[in-house]
Every structure is written in structure tokens, then in C-alpha cells.
Amino acid sequence: MVPRVWSLMRFLIKGSVAGGAIYLVYDQELLGPSDKSQAVLQKAEEVVPTAVYQFSQYVCEQTGLKLPQLPAPPKFNFHIRDSWNSGIITMMSALSVAPSKAWEYSKEGWEYLKERTK
């Protein structure tokens, strides 16, 4: 009985985390226009390090452990807007060419097999 309850709890926790992640992506419009996505990522870049620091301080207070200070995250001068749409365009063009390439490669393979069996 206990293993079933434990597996159900694990399933519910994982489902909650996945649902929360999907809601967050939808709510923050991360899959929308690139300028909105870039603004959200910049906001997260400012908020996440302080939240991690505060959480580590809370854990230290509650447990009595001393955690070492994490180094500052590196700063990148890279804007996601510059590469967001080009990556999507490249992926879609590769997917649109895939059937003709598969036909071409299978035709070449068939010809090769015909030559080898003669």
C-alpha cells in the first residue's frame, strides 16, 4: 500500500511541476514575440540570483549549515532576439526539405544495393 501511495505522490508532484512550468511559459509569453521573451529573460536574470541567495540563507538559518558563497553568474552580451527567429526559420526549412532528402537518399541507397548485388 505504501509504495502505491508514494508512487502516486511522486506522479502528482511531477505533474504539478510540469503544469506550473507550462503555466509560467504561457503566462510570461515566452513563446510569443522575441522582444517580450527577451524582456522576461532579462527580468529573470535580475530576480533569480537574489532568490537563490535568499533561499540559501533561509536553509542556513533553518539547518545551521554554512553554505559557501556562490560566484556571480557571468554576464553575456547576447540578445536572444538576434537569433530566435533565425533558429526557427532554419529548423522549419530543414523540416520542409526532409521528405525530398529522404527520397533522394533512399534512391541513392537503392541504386547502390542494385550495383552491389550484380
PDB file of N, CA and C in Angstrom:
ATOM      1  N   MET A   1       0.814  -1.191   0.000  1.00  0.00           N
ATOM      2  CA  MET A   1       0.000   0.000   0.000  1.00  0.00           C
ATOM      3  C   MET A   1       0.864   1.264   0.000  1.00  0.00           C
ATOM      4  N   VAL A   2       1.913   1.260   0.804  1.00  0.00           N
ATOM      5  CA  VAL A   2       2.774   2.433   0.907  1.00  0.00           C
ATOM      6  C   VAL A   2       3.490   2.734  -0.424  1.00  0.00           C
ATOM      7  N   PRO A   3       4.007   1.716  -1.136  1.00  0.00           N
ATOM      8  CA  PRO A   3       4.646   2.041  -2.418  1.00  0.00           C
ATOM      9  C   PRO A   3       3.688   2.666  -3.419  1.00  0.00           C
ATOM     10  N   ARG A   4       2.418   2.237  -3.395  1.00  0.00           N
ATOM     11  CA  ARG A   4       1.449   2.830  -4.312  1.00  0.00           C
ATOM     12  C   ARG A   4       1.189   4.289  -3.973  1.00  0.00           C
ATOM     13  N   VAL A   5       1.080   4.582  -2.700  1.00  0.00           N
ATOM     14  CA  VAL A   5       0.855   5.968  -2.280  1.00  0.00           C
ATOM     15  C   VAL A   5       2.070   6.815  -2.631  1.00  0.00           C
ATOM     16  N   TRP A   6       3.253   6.266  -2.403  1.00  0.00           N
ATOM     17  CA  TRP A   6       4.474   7.005  -2.707  1.00  0.00           C
ATOM     18  C   TRP A   6       4.591   7.283  -4.207  1.00  0.00           C
ATOM     19  N   SER A   7       4.267   6.284  -5.047  1.00  0.00           N
ATOM     20  CA  SER A   7       4.344   6.496  -6.490  1.00  0.00           C
ATOM     21  C   SER A   7       3.283   7.488  -6.945  1.00  0.00           C
ATOM     22  N   LEU A   8       2.104   7.471  -6.309  1.00  0.00           N
ATOM     23  CA  LEU A   8       1.071   8.449  -6.630  1.00  0.00           C
ATOM     24  C   LEU A   8       1.525   9.853  -6.246  1.00  0.00           C
ATOM     25  N   MET A   9       2.157   9.990  -5.090  1.00  0.00           N
ATOM     26  CA  MET A   9       2.657  11.297  -4.666  1.00  0.00           C
ATOM     27  C   MET A   9       3.723  11.810  -5.623  1.00  0.00           C
ATOM     28  N   ARG A  10       4.642  10.926  -6.027  1.00  0.00           N
ATOM     29  CA  ARG A  10       5.673  11.325  -6.991  1.00  0.00           C
ATOM     30  C   ARG A  10       5.047  11.793  -8.294  1.00  0.00           C
ATOM     31  N   PHE A  11       4.045  11.051  -8.774  1.00  0.00           N
ATOM     32  CA  PHE A  11       3.360  11.420 -10.003  1.00  0.00           C
ATOM     33  C   PHE A  11       2.686  12.781  -9.876  1.00  0.00           C
ATOM     34  N   LEU A  12       2.012  13.015  -8.753  1.00  0.00           N
ATOM     35  CA  LEU A  12       1.335  14.285  -8.550  1.00  0.00           C
ATOM     36  C   LEU A  12       2.319  15.449  -8.446  1.00  0.00           C
ATOM     37  N   ILE A  13       3.444  15.231  -7.784  1.00  0.00           N
ATOM     38  CA  ILE A  13       4.447  16.291  -7.666  1.00  0.00           C
ATOM     39  C   ILE A  13       5.042  16.608  -9.030  1.00  0.00           C
ATOM     40  N   LYS A  14       5.387  15.573  -9.784  1.00  0.00           N
ATOM     41  CA  LYS A  14       5.945  15.803 -11.123  1.00  0.00           C
ATOM     42  C   LYS A  14       4.931  16.493 -12.029  1.00  0.00           C
ATOM     43  N   GLY A  15       3.683  16.066 -11.947  1.00  0.00           N
ATOM     44  CA  GLY A  15       2.645  16.708 -12.752  1.00  0.00           C
ATOM     45  C   GLY A  15       2.446  18.160 -12.371  1.00  0.00           C
ATOM     46  N   SER A  16       2.530  18.451 -11.084  1.00  0.00           N
ATOM     47  CA  SER A  16       2.387  19.840 -10.626  1.00  0.00           C
ATOM     48  C   SER A  16       3.530  20.700 -11.123  1.00  0.00           C
ATOM     49  N   VAL A  17       4.734  20.172 -11.066  1.00  0.00           N
ATOM     50  CA  VAL A  17       5.892  20.932 -11.550  1.00  0.00           C
ATOM     51  C   VAL A  17       5.779  21.174 -13.055  1.00  0.00           C
ATOM     52  N   ALA A  18       5.395  20.139 -13.811  1.00  0.00           N
ATOM     53  CA  ALA A  18       5.250  20.296 -15.259  1.00  0.00           C
ATOM     54  C   ALA A  18       4.129  21.278 -15.582  1.00  0.00           C
ATOM     55  N   GLY A  19       3.012  21.167 -14.889  1.00  0.00           N
ATOM     56  CA  GLY A  19       1.915  22.094 -15.118  1.00  0.00           C
ATOM     57  C   GLY A  19       2.294  23.526 -14.765  1.00  0.00           C
ATOM     58  N   GLY A  20       3.032  23.690 -13.682  1.00  0.00           N
ATOM     59  CA  GLY A  20       3.491  25.028 -13.312  1.00  0.00           C
ATOM     60  C   GLY A  20       4.436  25.611 -14.336  1.00  0.00           C
ATOM     61  N   ALA A  21       5.304  24.770 -14.890  1.00  0.00           N
ATOM     62  CA  ALA A  21       6.236  25.254 -15.915  1.00  0.00           C
ATOM     63  C   ALA A  21       5.480  25.674 -17.172  1.00  0.00           C
ATOM     64  N   ILE A  22       4.493  24.885 -17.560  1.00  0.00           N
ATOM     65  CA  ILE A  22       3.700  25.231 -18.747  1.00  0.00           C
ATOM     66  C   ILE A  22       2.915  26.518 -18.501  1.00  0.00           C
ATOM     67  N   TYR A  23       2.337  26.649 -17.321  1.00  0.00           N
ATOM     68  CA  TYR A  23       1.608  27.870 -16.996  1.00  0.00           C
ATOM     69  C   TYR A  23       2.541  29.081 -17.007  1.00  0.00           C
ATOM     70  N   LEU A  24       3.730  28.931 -16.456  1.00  0.00           N
ATOM     71  CA  LEU A  24       4.679  30.038 -16.422  1.00  0.00           C
ATOM     72  C   LEU A  24       5.075  30.465 -17.824  1.00  0.00           C
ATOM     73  N   VAL A  25       5.332  29.502 -18.695  1.00  0.00           N
ATOM     74  CA  VAL A  25       5.694  29.824 -20.084  1.00  0.00           C
ATOM     75  C   VAL A  25       4.548  30.552 -20.763  1.00  0.00           C
ATOM     76  N   TYR A  26       3.325  30.077 -20.556  1.00  0.00           N
ATOM     77  CA  TYR A  26       2.158  30.724 -21.164  1.00  0.00           C
ATOM     78  C   TYR A  26       1.914  32.108 -20.566  1.00  0.00           C
ATOM     79  N   ASP A  27       1.986  32.218 -19.246  1.00  0.00           N
ATOM     80  CA  ASP A  27       1.688  33.473 -18.573  1.00  0.00           C
ATOM     81  C   ASP A  27       2.700  34.559 -18.912  1.00  0.00           C
ATOM     82  N   GLN A  28       3.971  34.189 -19.010  1.00  0.00           N
ATOM     83  CA  GLN A  28       5.021  35.166 -19.292  1.00  0.00           C
ATOM     84  C   GLN A  28       5.233  35.381 -20.792  1.00  0.00           C
ATOM     85  N   GLU A  29       4.463  34.680 -21.614  1.00  0.00           N
ATOM     86  CA  GLU A  29       4.537  34.783 -23.076  1.00  0.00           C
ATOM     87  C   GLU A  29       5.950  34.515 -23.596  1.00  0.00           C
ATOM     88  N   LEU A  30       6.557  33.446 -23.070  1.00  0.00           N
ATOM     89  CA  LEU A  30       7.912  33.111 -23.510  1.00  0.00           C
ATOM     90  C   LEU A  30       7.952  32.609 -24.941  1.00  0.00           C
ATOM     91  N   LEU A  31       6.866  32.056 -25.436  1.00  0.00           N
ATOM     92  CA  LEU A  31       6.840  31.572 -26.804  1.00  0.00           C
ATOM     93  C   LEU A  31       6.208  32.578 -27.758  1.00  0.00           C
ATOM     94  N   GLY A  32       6.053  33.798 -27.299  1.00  0.00           N
ATOM     95  CA  GLY A  32       5.482  34.860 -28.116  1.00  0.00           C
ATOM     96  C   GLY A  32       6.573  35.575 -28.912  1.00  0.00           C
ATOM     97  N   PRO A  33       6.360  36.832 -29.177  1.00  0.00           N
ATOM     98  CA  PRO A  33       7.352  37.610 -29.918  1.00  0.00           C
ATOM     99  C   PRO A  33       8.685  37.675 -29.170  1.00  0.00           C
ATOM    100  N   SER A  34       9.757  37.802 -29.929  1.00  0.00           N
ATOM    101  CA  SER A  34      11.082  37.723 -29.332  1.00  0.00           C
ATOM    102  C   SER A  34      11.379  38.888 -28.389  1.00  0.00           C
ATOM    103  N   ASP A  35      10.798  40.068 -28.634  1.00  0.00           N
ATOM    104  CA  ASP A  35      11.086  41.184 -27.730  1.00  0.00           C
ATOM    105  C   ASP A  35      10.473  40.960 -26.346  1.00  0.00           C
ATOM    106  N   LYS A  36       9.291  40.334 -26.289  1.00  0.00           N
ATOM    107  CA  LYS A  36       8.690  40.018 -24.995  1.00  0.00           C
ATOM    108  C   LYS A  36       9.488  38.920 -24.285  1.00  0.00           C
ATOM    109  N   SER A  37       9.935  37.932 -25.053  1.00  0.00           N
ATOM    110  CA  SER A  37      10.732  36.849 -24.464  1.00  0.00           C
ATOM    111  C   SER A  37      12.031  37.392 -23.901  1.00  0.00           C
ATOM    112  N   GLN A  38      12.643  38.302 -24.622  1.00  0.00           N
ATOM    113  CA  GLN A  38      13.905  38.878 -24.162  1.00  0.00           C
ATOM    114  C   GLN A  38      13.683  39.687 -22.879  1.00  0.00           C
ATOM    115  N   ALA A  39      12.574  40.408 -22.793  1.00  0.00           N
ATOM    116  CA  ALA A  39      12.285  41.185 -21.582  1.00  0.00           C
ATOM    117  C   ALA A  39      12.084  40.265 -20.380  1.00  0.00           C
ATOM    118  N   VAL A  40      11.390  39.154 -20.587  1.00  0.00           N
ATOM    119  CA  VAL A  40      11.162  38.207 -19.496  1.00  0.00           C
ATOM    120  C   VAL A  40      12.483  37.586 -19.054  1.00  0.00           C
ATOM    121  N   LEU A  41      13.328  37.227 -20.003  1.00  0.00           N
ATOM    122  CA  LEU A  41      14.616  36.629 -19.650  1.00  0.00           C
ATOM    123  C   LEU A  41      15.513  37.616 -18.910  1.00  0.00           C
ATOM    124  N   GLN A  42      15.472  38.883 -19.291  1.00  0.00           N
ATOM    125  CA  GLN A  42      16.250  39.888 -18.565  1.00  0.00           C
ATOM    126  C   GLN A  42      15.725  40.052 -17.146  1.00  0.00           C
ATOM    127  N   LYS A  43      14.401  40.010 -16.994  1.00  0.00           N
ATOM    128  CA  LYS A  43      13.817  40.119 -15.657  1.00  0.00           C
ATOM    129  C   LYS A  43      14.222  38.913 -14.806  1.00  0.00           C
ATOM    130  N   ALA A  44      14.210  37.734 -15.409  1.00  0.00           N
ATOM    131  CA  ALA A  44      14.617  36.531 -14.678  1.00  0.00           C
ATOM    132  C   ALA A  44      16.086  36.585 -14.311  1.00  0.00           C
ATOM    133  N   GLU A  45      16.901  37.146 -15.185  1.00  0.00           N
ATOM    134  CA  GLU A  45      18.335  37.274 -14.910  1.00  0.00           C
ATOM    135  C   GLU A  45      18.584  38.154 -13.691  1.00  0.00           C
ATOM    136  N   GLU A  46      17.719  39.126 -13.458  1.00  0.00           N
ATOM    137  CA  GLU A  46      17.867  40.006 -12.304  1.00  0.00           C
ATOM    138  C   GLU A  46      17.306  39.373 -11.028  1.00  0.00           C
ATOM    139  N   VAL A  47      16.218  38.607 -11.152  1.00  0.00           N
ATOM    140  CA  VAL A  47      15.495  38.112  -9.981  1.00  0.00           C
ATOM    141  C   VAL A  47      16.057  36.803  -9.448  1.00  0.00           C
ATOM    142  N   VAL A  48      16.441  35.890 -10.331  1.00  0.00           N
ATOM    143  CA  VAL A  48      16.816  34.540  -9.906  1.00  0.00           C
ATOM    144  C   VAL A  48      18.024  34.512  -8.972  1.00  0.00           C
ATOM    145  N   PRO A  49      19.130  35.217  -9.256  1.00  0.00           N
ATOM    146  CA  PRO A  49      20.260  35.140  -8.322  1.00  0.00           C
ATOM    147  C   PRO A  49      19.924  35.607  -6.906  1.00  0.00           C
ATOM    148  N   THR A  50      19.130  36.658  -6.774  1.00  0.00           N
ATOM    149  CA  THR A  50      18.770  37.111  -5.430  1.00  0.00           C
ATOM    150  C   THR A  50      17.849  36.108  -4.742  1.00  0.00           C
ATOM    151  N   ALA A  51      16.967  35.485  -5.507  1.00  0.00           N
ATOM    152  CA  ALA A  51      16.073  34.478  -4.915  1.00  0.00           C
ATOM    153  C   ALA A  51      16.872  33.267  -4.444  1.00  0.00           C
ATOM    154  N   VAL A  52      17.863  32.849  -5.221  1.00  0.00           N
ATOM    155  CA  VAL A  52      18.695  31.716  -4.815  1.00  0.00           C
ATOM    156  C   VAL A  52      19.481  32.068  -3.561  1.00  0.00           C
ATOM    157  N   TYR A  53      19.998  33.278  -3.488  1.00  0.00           N
ATOM    158  CA  TYR A  53      20.742  33.715  -2.313  1.00  0.00           C
ATOM    159  C   TYR A  53      19.837  33.733  -1.073  1.00  0.00           C
ATOM    160  N   GLN A  54      18.632  34.278  -1.214  1.00  0.00           N
ATOM    161  CA  GLN A  54      17.718  34.330  -0.080  1.00  0.00           C
ATOM    162  C   GLN A  54      17.317  32.933   0.367  1.00  0.00           C
ATOM    163  N   PHE A  55      17.095  32.032  -0.586  1.00  0.00           N
ATOM    164  CA  PHE A  55      16.738  30.660  -0.238  1.00  0.00           C
ATOM    165  C   PHE A  55      17.891  29.973   0.479  1.00  0.00           C
ATOM    166  N   SER A  56      19.119  30.203   0.011  1.00  0.00           N
ATOM    167  CA  SER A  56      20.264  29.574   0.679  1.00  0.00           C
ATOM    168  C   SER A  56      20.436  30.128   2.090  1.00  0.00           C
ATOM    169  N   GLN A  57      20.174  31.404   2.286  1.00  0.00           N
ATOM    170  CA  GLN A  57      20.237  31.977   3.630  1.00  0.00           C
ATOM    171  C   GLN A  57      19.164  31.368   4.532  1.00  0.00           C
ATOM    172  N   TYR A  58      17.984  31.155   3.986  1.00  0.00           N
ATOM    173  CA  TYR A  58      16.904  30.539   4.755  1.00  0.00           C
ATOM    174  C   TYR A  58      17.280  29.115   5.161  1.00  0.00           C
ATOM    175  N   VAL A  59      17.854  28.355   4.219  1.00  0.00           N
ATOM    176  CA  VAL A  59      18.266  26.980   4.514  1.00  0.00           C
ATOM    177  C   VAL A  59      19.348  26.989   5.587  1.00  0.00           C
ATOM    178  N   CYS A  60      20.278  27.931   5.504  1.00  0.00           N
ATOM    179  CA  CYS A  60      21.341  28.021   6.514  1.00  0.00           C
ATOM    180  C   CYS A  60      20.758  28.307   7.893  1.00  0.00           C
ATOM    181  N   GLU A  61      19.790  29.200   7.962  1.00  0.00           N
ATOM    182  CA  GLU A  61      19.177  29.517   9.253  1.00  0.00           C
ATOM    183  C   GLU A  61      18.430  28.324   9.829  1.00  0.00           C
ATOM    184  N   GLN A  62      17.720  27.608   8.980  1.00  0.00           N
ATOM    185  CA  GLN A  62      16.889  26.501   9.453  1.00  0.00           C
ATOM    186  C   GLN A  62      17.701  25.272   9.837  1.00  0.00           C
ATOM    187  N   THR A  63      18.776  25.013   9.105  1.00  0.00           N
ATOM    188  CA  THR A  63      19.535  23.789   9.337  1.00  0.00           C
ATOM    189  C   THR A  63      20.808  24.014  10.135  1.00  0.00           C
ATOM    190  N   GLY A  64      21.286  25.244  10.192  1.00  0.00           N
ATOM    191  CA  GLY A  64      22.533  25.510  10.893  1.00  0.00           C
ATOM    192  C   GLY A  64      23.758  25.222  10.046  1.00  0.00           C
ATOM    193  N   LEU A  65      23.568  24.906   8.781  1.00  0.00           N
ATOM    194  CA  LEU A  65      24.696  24.639   7.883  1.00  0.00           C
ATOM    195  C   LEU A  65      25.254  25.946   7.344  1.00  0.00           C
ATOM    196  N   LYS A  66      26.508  25.913   6.977  1.00  0.00           N
ATOM    197  CA  LYS A  66      27.133  27.071   6.342  1.00  0.00           C
ATOM    198  C   LYS A  66      27.401  26.709   4.890  1.00  0.00           C
ATOM    199  N   LEU A  67      26.715  27.361   3.986  1.00  0.00           N
ATOM    200  CA  LEU A  67      26.921  27.131   2.560  1.00  0.00           C
ATOM    201  C   LEU A  67      27.929  28.140   2.039  1.00  0.00           C
ATOM    202  N   PRO A  68      28.832  27.705   1.167  1.00  0.00           N
ATOM    203  CA  PRO A  68      29.787  28.665   0.615  1.00  0.00           C
ATOM    204  C   PRO A  68      29.086  29.650  -0.324  1.00  0.00           C
ATOM    205  N   GLN A  69      29.649  30.822  -0.446  1.00  0.00           N
ATOM    206  CA  GLN A  69      29.098  31.859  -1.316  1.00  0.00           C
ATOM    207  C   GLN A  69      29.310  31.460  -2.771  1.00  0.00           C
ATOM    208  N   LEU A  70      28.253  31.509  -3.558  1.00  0.00           N
ATOM    209  CA  LEU A  70      28.365  31.180  -4.967  1.00  0.00           C
ATOM    210  C   LEU A  70      28.969  32.354  -5.729  1.00  0.00           C
ATOM    211  N   PRO A  71      29.771  32.065  -6.755  1.00  0.00           N
ATOM    212  CA  PRO A  71      30.309  33.166  -7.559  1.00  0.00           C
ATOM    213  C   PRO A  71      29.194  33.823  -8.374  1.00  0.00           C
ATOM    214  N   ALA A  72      29.435  35.049  -8.752  1.00  0.00           N
ATOM    215  CA  ALA A  72      28.445  35.769  -9.550  1.00  0.00           C
ATOM    216  C   ALA A  72      28.329  35.116 -10.929  1.00  0.00           C
ATOM    217  N   PRO A  73      27.120  35.063 -11.479  1.00  0.00           N
ATOM    218  CA  PRO A  73      26.984  34.468 -12.812  1.00  0.00           C
ATOM    219  C   PRO A  73      27.655  35.345 -13.854  1.00  0.00           C
ATOM    220  N   PRO A  74      28.194  34.736 -14.895  1.00  0.00           N
ATOM    221  CA  PRO A  74      28.866  35.537 -15.924  1.00  0.00           C
ATOM    222  C   PRO A  74      27.863  36.372 -16.707  1.00  0.00           C
ATOM    223  N   LYS A  75      28.294  37.497 -17.172  1.00  0.00           N
ATOM    224  CA  LYS A  75      27.447  38.383 -17.962  1.00  0.00           C
ATOM    225  C   LYS A  75      27.714  38.120 -19.441  1.00  0.00           C
ATOM    226  N   PHE A  76      26.661  37.886 -20.169  1.00  0.00           N
ATOM    227  CA  PHE A  76      26.771  37.664 -21.604  1.00  0.00           C
ATOM    228  C   PHE A  76      26.150  38.839 -22.333  1.00  0.00           C
ATOM    229  N   ASN A  77      26.816  39.300 -23.344  1.00  0.00           N
ATOM    230  CA  ASN A  77      26.276  40.370 -24.166  1.00  0.00           C
ATOM    231  C   ASN A  77      25.646  39.728 -25.396  1.00  0.00           C
ATOM    232  N   PHE A  78      24.566  39.007 -25.171  1.00  0.00           N
ATOM    233  CA  PHE A  78      23.909  38.257 -26.238  1.00  0.00           C
ATOM    234  C   PHE A  78      22.411  38.485 -26.122  1.00  0.00           C
ATOM    235  N   HIS A  79      21.821  38.942 -27.174  1.00  0.00           N
ATOM    236  CA  HIS A  79      20.388  39.182 -27.175  1.00  0.00           C
ATOM    237  C   HIS A  79      19.698  38.038 -27.904  1.00  0.00           C
ATOM    238  N   ILE A  80      18.724  37.460 -27.250  1.00  0.00           N
ATOM    239  CA  ILE A  80      18.038  36.311 -27.833  1.00  0.00           C
ATOM    240  C   ILE A  80      17.247  36.701 -29.076  1.00  0.00           C
ATOM    241  N   ARG A  81      16.863  37.940 -29.156  1.00  0.00           N
ATOM    242  CA  ARG A  81      16.089  38.394 -30.311  1.00  0.00           C
ATOM    243  C   ARG A  81      16.884  38.255 -31.594  1.00  0.00           C
ATOM    244  N   ASP A  82      18.205  38.369 -31.506  1.00  0.00           N
ATOM    245  CA  ASP A  82      19.028  38.283 -32.707  1.00  0.00           C
ATOM    246  C   ASP A  82      19.036  36.890 -33.321  1.00  0.00           C
ATOM    247  N   SER A  83      18.848  35.869 -32.516  1.00  0.00           N
ATOM    248  CA  SER A  83      18.926  34.516 -33.051  1.00  0.00           C
ATOM    249  C   SER A  83      17.632  33.725 -32.940  1.00  0.00           C
ATOM    250  N   TRP A  84      16.627  34.254 -32.297  1.00  0.00           N
ATOM    251  CA  TRP A  84      15.398  33.494 -32.079  1.00  0.00           C
ATOM    252  C   TRP A  84      14.747  33.114 -33.403  1.00  0.00           C
ATOM    253  N   ASN A  85      14.437  34.104 -34.212  1.00  0.00           N
ATOM    254  CA  ASN A  85      13.718  33.822 -35.449  1.00  0.00           C
ATOM    255  C   ASN A  85      14.589  33.075 -36.452  1.00  0.00           C
ATOM    256  N   SER A  86      15.891  33.324 -36.471  1.00  0.00           N
ATOM    257  CA  SER A  86      16.739  32.611 -37.426  1.00  0.00           C
ATOM    258  C   SER A  86      16.790  31.125 -37.098  1.00  0.00           C
ATOM    259  N   GLY A  87      16.775  30.768 -35.824  1.00  0.00           N
ATOM    260  CA  GLY A  87      16.752  29.358 -35.445  1.00  0.00           C
ATOM    261  C   GLY A  87      15.461  28.680 -35.860  1.00  0.00           C
ATOM    262  N   ILE A  88      14.345  29.370 -35.677  1.00  0.00           N
ATOM    263  CA  ILE A  88      13.049  28.813 -36.076  1.00  0.00           C
ATOM    264  C   ILE A  88      12.995  28.651 -37.595  1.00  0.00           C
ATOM    265  N   ILE A  89      13.469  29.649 -38.324  1.00  0.00           N
ATOM    266  CA  ILE A  89      13.456  29.586 -39.792  1.00  0.00           C
ATOM    267  C   ILE A  89      14.334  28.445 -40.278  1.00  0.00           C
ATOM    268  N   THR A  90      15.520  28.282 -39.687  1.00  0.00           N
ATOM    269  CA  THR A  90      16.409  27.196 -40.082  1.00  0.00           C
ATOM    270  C   THR A  90      15.775  25.840 -39.817  1.00  0.00           C
ATOM    271  N   MET A  91      15.141  25.691 -38.681  1.00  0.00           N
ATOM    272  CA  MET A  91      14.502  24.419 -38.337  1.00  0.00           C
ATOM    273  C   MET A  91      13.352  24.106 -39.273  1.00  0.00           C
ATOM    274  N   MET A  92      12.536  25.077 -39.584  1.00  0.00           N
ATOM    275  CA  MET A  92      11.402  24.849 -40.471  1.00  0.00           C
ATOM    276  C   MET A  92      11.862  24.549 -41.897  1.00  0.00           C
ATOM    277  N   SER A  93      12.917  25.211 -42.345  1.00  0.00           N
ATOM    278  CA  SER A  93      13.412  24.909 -43.690  1.00  0.00           C
ATOM    279  C   SER A  93      13.991  23.500 -43.745  1.00  0.00           C
ATOM    280  N   ALA A  94      14.654  23.069 -42.669  1.00  0.00           N
ATOM    281  CA  ALA A  94      15.180  21.703 -42.638  1.00  0.00           C
ATOM    282  C   ALA A  94      14.041  20.685 -42.644  1.00  0.00           C
ATOM    283  N   LEU A  95      12.965  20.969 -41.913  1.00  0.00           N
ATOM    284  CA  LEU A  95      11.821  20.062 -41.901  1.00  0.00           C
ATOM    285  C   LEU A  95      11.099  20.031 -43.238  1.00  0.00           C
ATOM    286  N   SER A  96      11.073  21.158 -43.941  1.00  0.00           N
ATOM    287  CA  SER A  96      10.379  21.180 -45.228  1.00  0.00           C
ATOM    288  C   SER A  96      11.165  20.440 -46.306  1.00  0.00           C
ATOM    289  N   VAL A  97      12.483  20.371 -46.178  1.00  0.00           N
ATOM    290  CA  VAL A  97      13.324  19.692 -47.164  1.00  0.00           C
ATOM    291  C   VAL A  97      13.467  18.202 -46.834  1.00  0.00           C
ATOM    292  N   ALA A  98      13.130  17.801 -45.620  1.00  0.00           N
ATOM    293  CA  ALA A  98      13.352  16.428 -45.171  1.00  0.00           C
ATOM    294  C   ALA A  98      12.714  15.364 -46.059  1.00  0.00           C
ATOM    295  N   PRO A  99      11.461  15.485 -46.521  1.00  0.00           N
ATOM    296  CA  PRO A  99      10.903  14.424 -47.366  1.00  0.00           C
ATOM    297  C   PRO A  99      11.655  14.242 -48.684  1.00  0.00           C
ATOM    298  N   SER A 100      12.012  15.334 -49.332  1.00  0.00           N
ATOM    299  CA  SER A 100      12.737  15.205 -50.609  1.00  0.00           C
ATOM    300  C   SER A 100      14.138  14.643 -50.386  1.00  0.00           C
ATOM    301  N   LYS A 101      14.785  15.028 -49.303  1.00  0.00           N
ATOM    302  CA  LYS A 101      16.110  14.469 -48.996  1.00  0.00           C
ATOM    303  C   LYS A 101      16.014  12.984 -48.675  1.00  0.00           C
ATOM    304  N   ALA A 102      14.974  12.593 -47.942  1.00  0.00           N
ATOM    305  CA  ALA A 102      14.791  11.172 -47.632  1.00  0.00           C
ATOM    306  C   ALA A 102      14.580  10.378 -48.918  1.00  0.00           C
ATOM    307  N   TRP A 103      13.797  10.925 -49.848  1.00  0.00           N
ATOM    308  CA  TRP A 103      13.586  10.267 -51.141  1.00  0.00           C
ATOM    309  C   TRP A 103      14.902  10.147 -51.903  1.00  0.00           C
ATOM    310  N   GLU A 104      15.666  11.219 -51.897  1.00  0.00           N
ATOM    311  CA  GLU A 104      16.949  11.231 -52.610  1.00  0.00           C
ATOM    312  C   GLU A 104      17.915  10.207 -52.010  1.00  0.00           C
ATOM    313  N   TYR A 105      18.013  10.175 -50.696  1.00  0.00           N
ATOM    314  CA  TYR A 105      18.929   9.234 -50.054  1.00  0.00           C
ATOM    315  C   TYR A 105      18.482   7.786 -50.240  1.00  0.00           C
ATOM    316  N   SER A 106      17.173   7.543 -50.181  1.00  0.00           N
ATOM    317  CA  SER A 106      16.703   6.171 -50.384  1.00  0.00           C
ATOM    318  C   SER A 106      16.935   5.740 -51.824  1.00  0.00           C
ATOM    319  N   LYS A 107      16.786   6.647 -52.767  1.00  0.00           N
ATOM    320  CA  LYS A 107      17.039   6.331 -54.179  1.00  0.00           C
ATOM    321  C   LYS A 107      18.520   5.992 -54.375  1.00  0.00           C
ATOM    322  N   GLU A 108      19.404   6.795 -53.770  1.00  0.00           N
ATOM    323  CA  GLU A 108      20.843   6.511 -53.858  1.00  0.00           C
ATOM    324  C   GLU A 108      21.180   5.172 -53.213  1.00  0.00           C
ATOM    325  N   GLY A 109      20.565   4.887 -52.081  1.00  0.00           N
ATOM    326  CA  GLY A 109      20.799   3.613 -51.407  1.00  0.00           C
ATOM    327  C   GLY A 109      20.312   2.438 -52.230  1.00  0.00           C
ATOM    328  N   TRP A 110      19.154   2.595 -52.881  1.00  0.00           N
ATOM    329  CA  TRP A 110      18.624   1.529 -53.730  1.00  0.00           C
ATOM    330  C   TRP A 110      19.550   1.274 -54.912  1.00  0.00           C
ATOM    331  N   GLU A 111      20.048   2.346 -55.512  1.00  0.00           N
ATOM    332  CA  GLU A 111      20.986   2.207 -56.644  1.00  0.00           C
ATOM    333  C   GLU A 111      22.273   1.528 -56.193  1.00  0.00           C
ATOM    334  N   TYR A 112      22.751   1.880 -55.043  1.00  0.00           N
ATOM    335  CA  TYR A 112      23.963   1.256 -54.500  1.00  0.00           C
ATOM    336  C   TYR A 112      23.741  -0.235 -54.275  1.00  0.00           C
ATOM    337  N   LEU A 113      22.596  -0.593 -53.706  1.00  0.00           N
ATOM    338  CA  LEU A 113      22.307  -2.014 -53.469  1.00  0.00           C
ATOM    339  C   LEU A 113      22.177  -2.779 -54.785  1.00  0.00           C
ATOM    340  N   LYS A 114      21.586  -2.151 -55.804  1.00  0.00           N
ATOM    341  CA  LYS A 114      21.468  -2.803 -57.090  1.00  0.00           C
ATOM    342  C   LYS A 114      22.844  -3.077 -57.711  1.00  0.00           C
ATOM    343  N   GLU A 115      23.736  -2.087 -57.560  1.00  0.00           N
ATOM    344  CA  GLU A 115      25.095  -2.260 -58.097  1.00  0.00           C
ATOM    345  C   GLU A 115      25.843  -3.353 -57.341  1.00  0.00           C
ATOM    346  N   ARG A 116      25.674  -3.438 -56.054  1.00  0.00           N
ATOM    347  CA  ARG A 116      26.402  -4.411 -55.239  1.00  0.00           C
ATOM    348  C   ARG A 116      25.888  -5.841 -55.445  1.00  0.00           C
ATOM    349  N   THR A 117      24.639  -5.993 -55.820  1.00  0.00           N
ATOM    350  CA  THR A 117      24.099  -7.334 -55.988  1.00  0.00           C
ATOM    351  C   THR A 117      24.306  -7.890 -57.390  1.00  0.00           C
ATOM    352  N   LYS A 118      24.774  -7.097 -58.320  1.00  0.00           N
ATOM    353  CA  LYS A 118      25.024  -7.585 -59.692  1.00  0.00           C
ATOM    354  C   LYS A 118      26.201  -8.498 -59.755  1.00  0.00           C
TER     355      LYS A 118
END
